[in-house]
Amino acid sequence: RFVCFTIYSVVVLSFSLKVIPIHAISNDILLSSIIGGALYG
């Protein structure tokens, strides 16, 4: 069951990384490290 959810999550994540444009929302690197870390955590 864990593997099924994980495979699904990895596939969606891989698709998201491919289709979401790589573009900075903020030019502040400190703010980006905090917000980015919090969101993915």
Full PDB file with SEQRES, HELIX, SHEET, SSBOND, CRYST1, ORIGX, SCALE, CONECT and MASTER records, all heavy atoms in Angstrom:
SEQRES   1 A   41  ARG PHE VAL CYS PHE THR ILE TYR SER VAL VAL VAL LEU          
SEQRES   2 A   41  SER PHE SER LEU LYS VAL ILE PRO ILE HIS ALA ILE SER          
SEQRES   3 A   41  ASN ASP ILE LEU LEU SER SER ILE ILE GLY GLY ALA LEU          
SEQRES   4 A   41  TYR GLY                                                      
HELIX    1 AA1 PHE A    2  VAL A   19  1                                  18    
HELIX    2 AA2 ILE A   29  TYR A   40  1                                  12    
CRYST1    1.000    1.000    1.000  90.00  90.00  90.00 P 1           1          
ORIGX1      1.000000  0.000000  0.000000        0.00000                         
ORIGX2      0.000000  1.000000  0.000000        0.00000                         
ORIGX3      0.000000  0.000000  1.000000        0.00000                         
SCALE1      1.000000  0.000000  0.000000        0.00000                         
SCALE2      0.000000  1.000000  0.000000        0.00000                         
SCALE3      0.000000  0.000000  1.000000        0.00000                         
ATOM      1  N   ARG A   1       0.839  -1.206   0.000  1.00  0.00           N  
ATOM      2  CA  ARG A   1       0.000   0.000   0.000  1.00  0.00           C  
ATOM      3  C   ARG A   1       0.871   1.253   0.000  1.00  0.00           C  
ATOM      4  O   ARG A   1       0.599   2.217  -0.724  1.00  0.00           O  
ATOM      5  CB  ARG A   1      -0.913  -0.001   1.225  1.00  0.00           C  
ATOM      6  CG  ARG A   1      -1.863   1.207   1.300  1.00  0.00           C  
ATOM      7  CD  ARG A   1      -2.733   1.124   2.543  1.00  0.00           C  
ATOM      8  NE  ARG A   1      -3.686   2.213   2.601  1.00  0.00           N  
ATOM      9  CZ  ARG A   1      -3.419   3.406   3.084  1.00  0.00           C  
ATOM     10  NH1 ARG A   1      -2.200   3.671   3.529  1.00  0.00           N  
ATOM     11  NH2 ARG A   1      -4.340   4.360   3.106  1.00  0.00           N  
ATOM     12  N   PHE A   2       1.927   1.225   0.806  1.00  0.00           N  
ATOM     13  CA  PHE A   2       2.864   2.340   0.854  1.00  0.00           C  
ATOM     14  C   PHE A   2       3.492   2.573  -0.510  1.00  0.00           C  
ATOM     15  O   PHE A   2       3.601   3.707  -0.978  1.00  0.00           O  
ATOM     16  CB  PHE A   2       3.951   2.054   1.901  1.00  0.00           C  
ATOM     17  CG  PHE A   2       5.077   3.055   1.916  1.00  0.00           C  
ATOM     18  CD1 PHE A   2       4.990   4.202   2.678  1.00  0.00           C  
ATOM     19  CD2 PHE A   2       6.215   2.850   1.154  1.00  0.00           C  
ATOM     20  CE1 PHE A   2       6.019   5.123   2.689  1.00  0.00           C  
ATOM     21  CE2 PHE A   2       7.254   3.762   1.158  1.00  0.00           C  
ATOM     22  CZ  PHE A   2       7.147   4.909   1.928  1.00  0.00           C  
ATOM     23  N   VAL A   3       3.905   1.493  -1.163  1.00  0.00           N  
ATOM     24  CA  VAL A   3       4.565   1.609  -2.463  1.00  0.00           C  
ATOM     25  C   VAL A   3       3.604   2.172  -3.510  1.00  0.00           C  
ATOM     26  O   VAL A   3       3.992   2.991  -4.345  1.00  0.00           O  
ATOM     27  CB  VAL A   3       5.126   0.243  -2.906  1.00  0.00           C  
ATOM     28  CG1 VAL A   3       5.631   0.305  -4.340  1.00  0.00           C  
ATOM     29  CG2 VAL A   3       6.256  -0.176  -1.978  1.00  0.00           C  
ATOM     30  N   CYS A   4       2.350   1.742  -3.479  1.00  0.00           N  
ATOM     31  CA  CYS A   4       1.371   2.253  -4.447  1.00  0.00           C  
ATOM     32  C   CYS A   4       1.207   3.758  -4.320  1.00  0.00           C  
ATOM     33  O   CYS A   4       1.233   4.490  -5.315  1.00  0.00           O  
ATOM     34  CB  CYS A   4       0.028   1.550  -4.254  1.00  0.00           C  
ATOM     35  SG  CYS A   4       0.004  -0.174  -4.766  1.00  0.00           S  
ATOM     36  N   PHE A   5       1.048   4.242  -3.081  1.00  0.00           N  
ATOM     37  CA  PHE A   5       0.934   5.684  -2.857  1.00  0.00           C  
ATOM     38  C   PHE A   5       2.223   6.400  -3.246  1.00  0.00           C  
ATOM     39  O   PHE A   5       2.195   7.505  -3.797  1.00  0.00           O  
ATOM     40  CB  PHE A   5       0.600   5.981  -1.391  1.00  0.00           C  
ATOM     41  CG  PHE A   5      -0.860   5.978  -1.078  1.00  0.00           C  
ATOM     42  CD1 PHE A   5      -1.391   5.110  -0.154  1.00  0.00           C  
ATOM     43  CD2 PHE A   5      -1.722   6.856  -1.716  1.00  0.00           C  
ATOM     44  CE1 PHE A   5      -2.737   5.100   0.139  1.00  0.00           C  
ATOM     45  CE2 PHE A   5      -3.081   6.872  -1.431  1.00  0.00           C  
ATOM     46  CZ  PHE A   5      -3.591   5.983  -0.504  1.00  0.00           C  
ATOM     47  N   THR A   6       3.376   5.776  -2.968  1.00  0.00           N  
ATOM     48  CA  THR A   6       4.660   6.402  -3.274  1.00  0.00           C  
ATOM     49  C   THR A   6       4.882   6.511  -4.778  1.00  0.00           C  
ATOM     50  O   THR A   6       5.323   7.555  -5.281  1.00  0.00           O  
ATOM     51  CB  THR A   6       5.811   5.607  -2.628  1.00  0.00           C  
ATOM     52  OG1 THR A   6       5.645   5.602  -1.206  1.00  0.00           O  
ATOM     53  CG2 THR A   6       7.158   6.229  -2.973  1.00  0.00           C  
ATOM     54  N   ILE A   7       4.580   5.430  -5.501  1.00  0.00           N  
ATOM     55  CA  ILE A   7       4.731   5.469  -6.958  1.00  0.00           C  
ATOM     56  C   ILE A   7       3.832   6.557  -7.547  1.00  0.00           C  
ATOM     57  O   ILE A   7       4.264   7.333  -8.415  1.00  0.00           O  
ATOM     58  CB  ILE A   7       4.385   4.097  -7.569  1.00  0.00           C  
ATOM     59  CG1 ILE A   7       5.457   3.073  -7.180  1.00  0.00           C  
ATOM     60  CG2 ILE A   7       4.281   4.188  -9.092  1.00  0.00           C  
ATOM     61  CD1 ILE A   7       5.141   1.661  -7.627  1.00  0.00           C  
ATOM     62  N   TYR A   8       2.604   6.611  -7.073  1.00  0.00           N  
ATOM     63  CA  TYR A   8       1.670   7.643  -7.537  1.00  0.00           C  
ATOM     64  C   TYR A   8       2.221   9.045  -7.244  1.00  0.00           C  
ATOM     65  O   TYR A   8       2.193   9.936  -8.104  1.00  0.00           O  
ATOM     66  CB  TYR A   8       0.319   7.438  -6.863  1.00  0.00           C  
ATOM     67  CG  TYR A   8      -0.647   8.575  -7.037  1.00  0.00           C  
ATOM     68  CD1 TYR A   8      -1.102   8.968  -8.296  1.00  0.00           C  
ATOM     69  CD2 TYR A   8      -1.147   9.252  -5.926  1.00  0.00           C  
ATOM     70  CE1 TYR A   8      -2.000  10.020  -8.446  1.00  0.00           C  
ATOM     71  CE2 TYR A   8      -2.040  10.294  -6.068  1.00  0.00           C  
ATOM     72  CZ  TYR A   8      -2.466  10.670  -7.327  1.00  0.00           C  
ATOM     73  OH  TYR A   8      -3.350  11.706  -7.470  1.00  0.00           O  
ATOM     74  N   SER A   9       2.742   9.225  -6.039  1.00  0.00           N  
ATOM     75  CA  SER A   9       3.291  10.525  -5.655  1.00  0.00           C  
ATOM     76  C   SER A   9       4.497  10.899  -6.508  1.00  0.00           C  
ATOM     77  O   SER A   9       4.618  12.043  -6.966  1.00  0.00           O  
ATOM     78  CB  SER A   9       3.693  10.502  -4.172  1.00  0.00           C  
ATOM     79  OG  SER A   9       4.349  11.693  -3.804  1.00  0.00           O  
ATOM     80  N   VAL A  10       5.401   9.938  -6.740  1.00  0.00           N  
ATOM     81  CA  VAL A  10       6.601  10.209  -7.531  1.00  0.00           C  
ATOM     82  C   VAL A  10       6.236  10.549  -8.979  1.00  0.00           C  
ATOM     83  O   VAL A  10       6.835  11.445  -9.588  1.00  0.00           O  
ATOM     84  CB  VAL A  10       7.561   9.008  -7.479  1.00  0.00           C  
ATOM     85  CG1 VAL A  10       8.702   9.164  -8.480  1.00  0.00           C  
ATOM     86  CG2 VAL A  10       8.129   8.851  -6.073  1.00  0.00           C  
ATOM     87  N   VAL A  11       5.244   9.843  -9.533  1.00  0.00           N  
ATOM     88  CA  VAL A  11       4.822  10.120 -10.904  1.00  0.00           C  
ATOM     89  C   VAL A  11       4.248  11.533 -11.014  1.00  0.00           C  
ATOM     90  O   VAL A  11       4.586  12.294 -11.932  1.00  0.00           O  
ATOM     91  CB  VAL A  11       3.785   9.076 -11.381  1.00  0.00           C  
ATOM     92  CG1 VAL A  11       3.153   9.514 -12.703  1.00  0.00           C  
ATOM     93  CG2 VAL A  11       4.437   7.716 -11.537  1.00  0.00           C  
ATOM     94  N   VAL A  12       3.382  11.899 -10.062  1.00  0.00           N  
ATOM     95  CA  VAL A  12       2.797  13.247 -10.067  1.00  0.00           C  
ATOM     96  C   VAL A  12       3.881  14.298  -9.851  1.00  0.00           C  
ATOM     97  O   VAL A  12       3.890  15.350 -10.506  1.00  0.00           O  
ATOM     98  CB  VAL A  12       1.701  13.382  -8.990  1.00  0.00           C  
ATOM     99  CG1 VAL A  12       1.190  14.817  -8.921  1.00  0.00           C  
ATOM    100  CG2 VAL A  12       0.548  12.435  -9.288  1.00  0.00           C  
ATOM    101  N   LEU A  13       4.811  14.022  -8.926  1.00  0.00           N  
ATOM    102  CA  LEU A  13       5.912  14.948  -8.677  1.00  0.00           C  
ATOM    103  C   LEU A  13       6.770  15.127  -9.918  1.00  0.00           C  
ATOM    104  O   LEU A  13       7.131  16.249 -10.285  1.00  0.00           O  
ATOM    105  CB  LEU A  13       6.761  14.439  -7.509  1.00  0.00           C  
ATOM    106  CG  LEU A  13       8.063  15.199  -7.226  1.00  0.00           C  
ATOM    107  CD1 LEU A  13       7.782  16.666  -6.918  1.00  0.00           C  
ATOM    108  CD2 LEU A  13       8.831  14.537  -6.082  1.00  0.00           C  
ATOM    109  N   SER A  14       7.110  14.023 -10.574  1.00  0.00           N  
ATOM    110  CA  SER A  14       7.935  14.095 -11.786  1.00  0.00           C  
ATOM    111  C   SER A  14       7.224  14.898 -12.877  1.00  0.00           C  
ATOM    112  O   SER A  14       7.845  15.713 -13.563  1.00  0.00           O  
ATOM    113  CB  SER A  14       8.243  12.676 -12.291  1.00  0.00           C  
ATOM    114  OG  SER A  14       8.956  11.939 -11.319  1.00  0.00           O  
ATOM    115  N   PHE A  15       5.922  14.658 -13.021  1.00  0.00           N  
ATOM    116  CA  PHE A  15       5.134  15.408 -14.002  1.00  0.00           C  
ATOM    117  C   PHE A  15       5.105  16.899 -13.655  1.00  0.00           C  
ATOM    118  O   PHE A  15       5.247  17.759 -14.536  1.00  0.00           O  
ATOM    119  CB  PHE A  15       3.713  14.851 -14.057  1.00  0.00           C  
ATOM    120  CG  PHE A  15       2.804  15.583 -15.002  1.00  0.00           C  
ATOM    121  CD1 PHE A  15       2.898  15.397 -16.374  1.00  0.00           C  
ATOM    122  CD2 PHE A  15       1.856  16.471 -14.509  1.00  0.00           C  
ATOM    123  CE1 PHE A  15       2.058  16.079 -17.242  1.00  0.00           C  
ATOM    124  CE2 PHE A  15       1.017  17.162 -15.371  1.00  0.00           C  
ATOM    125  CZ  PHE A  15       1.114  16.963 -16.745  1.00  0.00           C  
ATOM    126  N   SER A  16       4.951  17.207 -12.363  1.00  0.00           N  
ATOM    127  CA  SER A  16       4.910  18.606 -11.920  1.00  0.00           C  
ATOM    128  C   SER A  16       6.235  19.310 -12.182  1.00  0.00           C  
ATOM    129  O   SER A  16       6.265  20.470 -12.626  1.00  0.00           O  
ATOM    130  CB  SER A  16       4.564  18.671 -10.427  1.00  0.00           C  
ATOM    131  OG  SER A  16       3.315  18.088 -10.165  1.00  0.00           O  
ATOM    132  N   LEU A  17       7.333  18.619 -11.888  1.00  0.00           N  
ATOM    133  CA  LEU A  17       8.646  19.212 -12.126  1.00  0.00           C  
ATOM    134  C   LEU A  17       8.875  19.484 -13.612  1.00  0.00           C  
ATOM    135  O   LEU A  17       9.638  20.387 -13.971  1.00  0.00           O  
ATOM    136  CB  LEU A  17       9.734  18.272 -11.592  1.00  0.00           C  
ATOM    137  CG  LEU A  17       9.829  18.141 -10.061  1.00  0.00           C  
ATOM    138  CD1 LEU A  17      10.789  17.019  -9.683  1.00  0.00           C  
ATOM    139  CD2 LEU A  17      10.272  19.451  -9.426  1.00  0.00           C  
ATOM    140  N   LYS A  18       8.211  18.692 -14.462  1.00  0.00           N  
ATOM    141  CA  LYS A  18       8.392  18.849 -15.902  1.00  0.00           C  
ATOM    142  C   LYS A  18       7.542  19.992 -16.471  1.00  0.00           C  
ATOM    143  O   LYS A  18       7.991  20.728 -17.354  1.00  0.00           O  
ATOM    144  CB  LYS A  18       8.040  17.541 -16.616  1.00  0.00           C  
ATOM    145  CG  LYS A  18       8.284  17.559 -18.121  1.00  0.00           C  
ATOM    146  CD  LYS A  18       8.013  16.205 -18.728  1.00  0.00           C  
ATOM    147  CE  LYS A  18       8.263  16.205 -20.237  1.00  0.00           C  
ATOM    148  NZ  LYS A  18       9.662  16.517 -20.568  1.00  0.00           N  
ATOM    149  N   VAL A  19       6.318  20.151 -15.958  1.00  0.00           N  
ATOM    150  CA  VAL A  19       5.383  21.116 -16.563  1.00  0.00           C  
ATOM    151  C   VAL A  19       5.387  22.474 -15.878  1.00  0.00           C  
ATOM    152  O   VAL A  19       5.040  23.487 -16.504  1.00  0.00           O  
ATOM    153  CB  VAL A  19       3.939  20.553 -16.579  1.00  0.00           C  
ATOM    154  CG1 VAL A  19       3.889  19.270 -17.389  1.00  0.00           C  
ATOM    155  CG2 VAL A  19       3.411  20.325 -15.175  1.00  0.00           C  
ATOM    156  N   ILE A  20       5.750  22.527 -14.598  1.00  0.00           N  
ATOM    157  CA  ILE A  20       5.773  23.826 -13.905  1.00  0.00           C  
ATOM    158  C   ILE A  20       7.028  24.585 -14.323  1.00  0.00           C  
ATOM    159  O   ILE A  20       8.146  24.083 -14.195  1.00  0.00           O  
ATOM    160  CB  ILE A  20       5.754  23.636 -12.377  1.00  0.00           C  
ATOM    161  CG1 ILE A  20       4.439  22.989 -11.938  1.00  0.00           C  
ATOM    162  CG2 ILE A  20       5.932  24.984 -11.674  1.00  0.00           C  
ATOM    163  CD1 ILE A  20       4.374  22.667 -10.466  1.00  0.00           C  
ATOM    164  N   PRO A  21       6.869  25.797 -14.839  1.00  0.00           N  
ATOM    165  CA  PRO A  21       8.039  26.573 -15.301  1.00  0.00           C  
ATOM    166  C   PRO A  21       9.018  26.855 -14.164  1.00  0.00           C  
ATOM    167  O   PRO A  21       8.604  27.120 -13.031  1.00  0.00           O  
ATOM    168  CB  PRO A  21       7.415  27.874 -15.827  1.00  0.00           C  
ATOM    169  CG  PRO A  21       5.974  27.555 -16.054  1.00  0.00           C  
ATOM    170  CD  PRO A  21       5.602  26.514 -15.042  1.00  0.00           C  
ATOM    171  N   ILE A  22      10.297  26.783 -14.479  1.00  0.00           N  
ATOM    172  CA  ILE A  22      11.324  27.141 -13.498  1.00  0.00           C  
ATOM    173  C   ILE A  22      11.471  28.659 -13.532  1.00  0.00           C  
ATOM    174  O   ILE A  22      12.133  29.226 -14.407  1.00  0.00           O  
ATOM    175  CB  ILE A  22      12.655  26.443 -13.823  1.00  0.00           C  
ATOM    176  CG1 ILE A  22      12.485  24.926 -13.770  1.00  0.00           C  
ATOM    177  CG2 ILE A  22      13.748  26.889 -12.850  1.00  0.00           C  
ATOM    178  CD1 ILE A  22      13.718  24.141 -14.152  1.00  0.00           C  
ATOM    179  N   HIS A  23      10.824  29.291 -12.578  1.00  0.00           N  
ATOM    180  CA  HIS A  23      10.806  30.759 -12.555  1.00  0.00           C  
ATOM    181  C   HIS A  23      10.731  31.222 -11.104  1.00  0.00           C  
ATOM    182  O   HIS A  23       9.871  30.776 -10.347  1.00  0.00           O  
ATOM    183  CB  HIS A  23       9.608  31.287 -13.340  1.00  0.00           C  
ATOM    184  CG  HIS A  23       9.476  32.777 -13.298  1.00  0.00           C  
ATOM    185  ND1 HIS A  23      10.320  33.610 -13.993  1.00  0.00           N  
ATOM    186  CD2 HIS A  23       8.600  33.577 -12.633  1.00  0.00           C  
ATOM    187  CE1 HIS A  23       9.968  34.872 -13.771  1.00  0.00           C  
ATOM    188  NE2 HIS A  23       8.928  34.869 -12.943  1.00  0.00           N  
ATOM    189  N   ALA A  24      11.633  32.124 -10.727  1.00  0.00           N  
ATOM    190  CA  ALA A  24      11.692  32.598  -9.341  1.00  0.00           C  
ATOM    191  C   ALA A  24      10.515  33.513  -9.029  1.00  0.00           C  
ATOM    192  O   ALA A  24      10.251  34.470  -9.760  1.00  0.00           O  
ATOM    193  CB  ALA A  24      13.004  33.324  -9.088  1.00  0.00           C  
ATOM    194  N   ILE A  25       9.812  33.224  -7.943  1.00  0.00           N  
ATOM    195  CA  ILE A  25       8.744  34.112  -7.483  1.00  0.00           C  
ATOM    196  C   ILE A  25       9.341  35.306  -6.747  1.00  0.00           C  
ATOM    197  O   ILE A  25       8.841  36.423  -6.838  1.00  0.00           O  
ATOM    198  CB  ILE A  25       7.763  33.341  -6.574  1.00  0.00           C  
ATOM    199  CG1 ILE A  25       6.938  32.357  -7.412  1.00  0.00           C  
ATOM    200  CG2 ILE A  25       6.845  34.282  -5.816  1.00  0.00           C  
ATOM    201  CD1 ILE A  25       5.925  31.582  -6.613  1.00  0.00           C  
ATOM    202  N   SER A  26      10.429  35.052  -6.005  1.00  0.00           N  
ATOM    203  CA  SER A  26      11.097  36.109  -5.251  1.00  0.00           C  
ATOM    204  C   SER A  26      12.578  36.120  -5.584  1.00  0.00           C  
ATOM    205  O   SER A  26      13.196  35.067  -5.774  1.00  0.00           O  
ATOM    206  CB  SER A  26      10.894  35.894  -3.751  1.00  0.00           C  
ATOM    207  OG  SER A  26      11.694  36.784  -2.992  1.00  0.00           O  
ATOM    208  N   ASN A  27      13.158  37.303  -5.649  1.00  0.00           N  
ATOM    209  CA  ASN A  27      14.591  37.438  -5.889  1.00  0.00           C  
ATOM    210  C   ASN A  27      15.405  37.343  -4.598  1.00  0.00           C  
ATOM    211  O   ASN A  27      16.628  37.320  -4.641  1.00  0.00           O  
ATOM    212  CB  ASN A  27      14.885  38.776  -6.579  1.00  0.00           C  
ATOM    213  CG  ASN A  27      14.324  38.818  -7.992  1.00  0.00           C  
ATOM    214  OD1 ASN A  27      14.323  37.809  -8.698  1.00  0.00           O  
ATOM    215  ND2 ASN A  27      13.838  39.982  -8.404  1.00  0.00           N  
ATOM    216  N   ASP A  28      14.706  37.297  -3.463  1.00  0.00           N  
ATOM    217  CA  ASP A  28      15.362  37.190  -2.162  1.00  0.00           C  
ATOM    218  C   ASP A  28      15.678  35.727  -1.885  1.00  0.00           C  
ATOM    219  O   ASP A  28      14.782  34.916  -1.670  1.00  0.00           O  
ATOM    220  CB  ASP A  28      14.440  37.756  -1.070  1.00  0.00           C  
ATOM    221  CG  ASP A  28      15.151  37.890   0.273  1.00  0.00           C  
ATOM    222  OD1 ASP A  28      15.999  37.022   0.580  1.00  0.00           O  
ATOM    223  OD2 ASP A  28      14.864  38.854   1.004  1.00  0.00           O  
ATOM    224  N   ILE A  29      16.958  35.369  -1.870  1.00  0.00           N  
ATOM    225  CA  ILE A  29      17.346  33.975  -1.723  1.00  0.00           C  
ATOM    226  C   ILE A  29      17.032  33.443  -0.325  1.00  0.00           C  
ATOM    227  O   ILE A  29      16.655  32.276  -0.157  1.00  0.00           O  
ATOM    228  CB  ILE A  29      18.850  33.794  -2.067  1.00  0.00           C  
ATOM    229  CG1 ILE A  29      19.202  32.297  -2.092  1.00  0.00           C  
ATOM    230  CG2 ILE A  29      19.730  34.550  -1.088  1.00  0.00           C  
ATOM    231  CD1 ILE A  29      20.596  32.019  -2.599  1.00  0.00           C  
ATOM    232  N   LEU A  30      17.162  34.282   0.708  1.00  0.00           N  
ATOM    233  CA  LEU A  30      16.851  33.842   2.069  1.00  0.00           C  
ATOM    234  C   LEU A  30      15.365  33.535   2.207  1.00  0.00           C  
ATOM    235  O   LEU A  30      14.974  32.491   2.748  1.00  0.00           O  
ATOM    236  CB  LEU A  30      17.274  34.906   3.079  1.00  0.00           C  
ATOM    237  CG  LEU A  30      16.934  34.601   4.547  1.00  0.00           C  
ATOM    238  CD1 LEU A  30      17.608  33.301   4.990  1.00  0.00           C  
ATOM    239  CD2 LEU A  30      17.343  35.762   5.450  1.00  0.00           C  
ATOM    240  N   LEU A  31      14.534  34.437   1.715  1.00  0.00           N  
ATOM    241  CA  LEU A  31      13.092  34.228   1.769  1.00  0.00           C  
ATOM    242  C   LEU A  31      12.694  32.986   0.971  1.00  0.00           C  
ATOM    243  O   LEU A  31      11.846  32.197   1.408  1.00  0.00           O  
ATOM    244  CB  LEU A  31      12.365  35.464   1.218  1.00  0.00           C  
ATOM    245  CG  LEU A  31      10.832  35.435   1.263  1.00  0.00           C  
ATOM    246  CD1 LEU A  31      10.347  35.346   2.704  1.00  0.00           C  
ATOM    247  CD2 LEU A  31      10.267  36.683   0.585  1.00  0.00           C  
ATOM    248  N   SER A  32      13.320  32.792  -0.178  1.00  0.00           N  
ATOM    249  CA  SER A  32      13.007  31.630  -1.010  1.00  0.00           C  
ATOM    250  C   SER A  32      13.402  30.329  -0.320  1.00  0.00           C  
ATOM    251  O   SER A  32      12.683  29.325  -0.423  1.00  0.00           O  
ATOM    252  CB  SER A  32      13.734  31.739  -2.356  1.00  0.00           C  
ATOM    253  OG  SER A  32      13.246  32.830  -3.102  1.00  0.00           O  
ATOM    254  N   SER A  33      14.539  30.320   0.379  1.00  0.00           N  
ATOM    255  CA  SER A  33      14.978  29.107   1.072  1.00  0.00           C  
ATOM    256  C   SER A  33      14.019  28.752   2.208  1.00  0.00           C  
ATOM    257  O   SER A  33      13.712  27.568   2.419  1.00  0.00           O  
ATOM    258  CB  SER A  33      16.400  29.284   1.611  1.00  0.00           C  
ATOM    259  OG  SER A  33      16.451  30.304   2.604  1.00  0.00           O  
ATOM    260  N   ILE A  34      13.518  29.756   2.915  1.00  0.00           N  
ATOM    261  CA  ILE A  34      12.605  29.496   4.029  1.00  0.00           C  
ATOM    262  C   ILE A  34      11.234  29.045   3.528  1.00  0.00           C  
ATOM    263  O   ILE A  34      10.700  28.025   3.971  1.00  0.00           O  
ATOM    264  CB  ILE A  34      12.458  30.758   4.919  1.00  0.00           C  
ATOM    265  CG1 ILE A  34      13.797  31.076   5.600  1.00  0.00           C  
ATOM    266  CG2 ILE A  34      11.368  30.546   5.962  1.00  0.00           C  
ATOM    267  CD1 ILE A  34      13.800  32.382   6.362  1.00  0.00           C  
ATOM    268  N   ILE A  35      10.663  29.812   2.590  1.00  0.00           N  
ATOM    269  CA  ILE A  35       9.328  29.476   2.078  1.00  0.00           C  
ATOM    270  C   ILE A  35       9.363  28.177   1.293  1.00  0.00           C  
ATOM    271  O   ILE A  35       8.486  27.312   1.453  1.00  0.00           O  
ATOM    272  CB  ILE A  35       8.784  30.609   1.198  1.00  0.00           C  
ATOM    273  CG1 ILE A  35       8.673  31.912   2.003  1.00  0.00           C  
ATOM    274  CG2 ILE A  35       7.419  30.231   0.624  1.00  0.00           C  
ATOM    275  CD1 ILE A  35       7.757  31.815   3.202  1.00  0.00           C  
ATOM    276  N   GLY A  36      10.380  28.018   0.446  1.00  0.00           N  
ATOM    277  CA  GLY A  36      10.497  26.789  -0.334  1.00  0.00           C  
ATOM    278  C   GLY A  36      10.655  25.565   0.554  1.00  0.00           C  
ATOM    279  O   GLY A  36      10.004  24.531   0.346  1.00  0.00           O  
ATOM    280  N   GLY A  37      11.517  25.663   1.570  1.00  0.00           N  
ATOM    281  CA  GLY A  37      11.706  24.551   2.495  1.00  0.00           C  
ATOM    282  C   GLY A  37      10.439  24.224   3.260  1.00  0.00           C  
ATOM    283  O   GLY A  37      10.093  23.052   3.441  1.00  0.00           O  
ATOM    284  N   ALA A  38       9.725  25.262   3.708  1.00  0.00           N  
ATOM    285  CA  ALA A  38       8.491  25.036   4.456  1.00  0.00           C  
ATOM    286  C   ALA A  38       7.428  24.370   3.591  1.00  0.00           C  
ATOM    287  O   ALA A  38       6.749  23.427   4.031  1.00  0.00           O  
ATOM    288  CB  ALA A  38       7.963  26.364   5.001  1.00  0.00           C  
ATOM    289  N   LEU A  39       7.283  24.824   2.350  1.00  0.00           N  
ATOM    290  CA  LEU A  39       6.248  24.270   1.469  1.00  0.00           C  
ATOM    291  C   LEU A  39       6.509  22.803   1.142  1.00  0.00           C  
ATOM    292  O   LEU A  39       5.612  21.962   1.225  1.00  0.00           O  
ATOM    293  CB  LEU A  39       6.152  25.089   0.178  1.00  0.00           C  
ATOM    294  CG  LEU A  39       5.515  26.478   0.301  1.00  0.00           C  
ATOM    295  CD1 LEU A  39       5.537  27.189  -1.050  1.00  0.00           C  
ATOM    296  CD2 LEU A  39       4.087  26.375   0.820  1.00  0.00           C  
ATOM    297  N   TYR A  40       7.751  22.485   0.775  1.00  0.00           N  
ATOM    298  CA  TYR A  40       7.985  21.093   0.409  1.00  0.00           C  
ATOM    299  C   TYR A  40       8.036  20.204   1.648  1.00  0.00           C  
ATOM    300  O   TYR A  40       7.690  19.021   1.596  1.00  0.00           O  
ATOM    301  CB  TYR A  40       9.197  20.947  -0.504  1.00  0.00           C  
ATOM    302  CG  TYR A  40      10.534  20.637   0.111  1.00  0.00           C  
ATOM    303  CD1 TYR A  40      10.809  19.375   0.617  1.00  0.00           C  
ATOM    304  CD2 TYR A  40      11.553  21.588   0.129  1.00  0.00           C  
ATOM    305  CE1 TYR A  40      12.046  19.076   1.147  1.00  0.00           C  
ATOM    306  CE2 TYR A  40      12.794  21.291   0.654  1.00  0.00           C  
ATOM    307  CZ  TYR A  40      13.039  20.032   1.169  1.00  0.00           C  
ATOM    308  OH  TYR A  40      14.269  19.745   1.689  1.00  0.00           O  
ATOM    309  N   GLY A  41       8.394  20.763   2.808  1.00  0.00           N  
ATOM    310  CA  GLY A  41       8.350  19.991   4.046  1.00  0.00           C  
ATOM    311  C   GLY A  41       6.923  19.649   4.445  1.00  0.00           C  
ATOM    312  O   GLY A  41       6.626  18.521   4.861  1.00  0.00           O  
TER     313      GLY A  41                                                      
MASTER        0    0    0    2    0    0    0    6  312    1    0    4          
END                                                                             
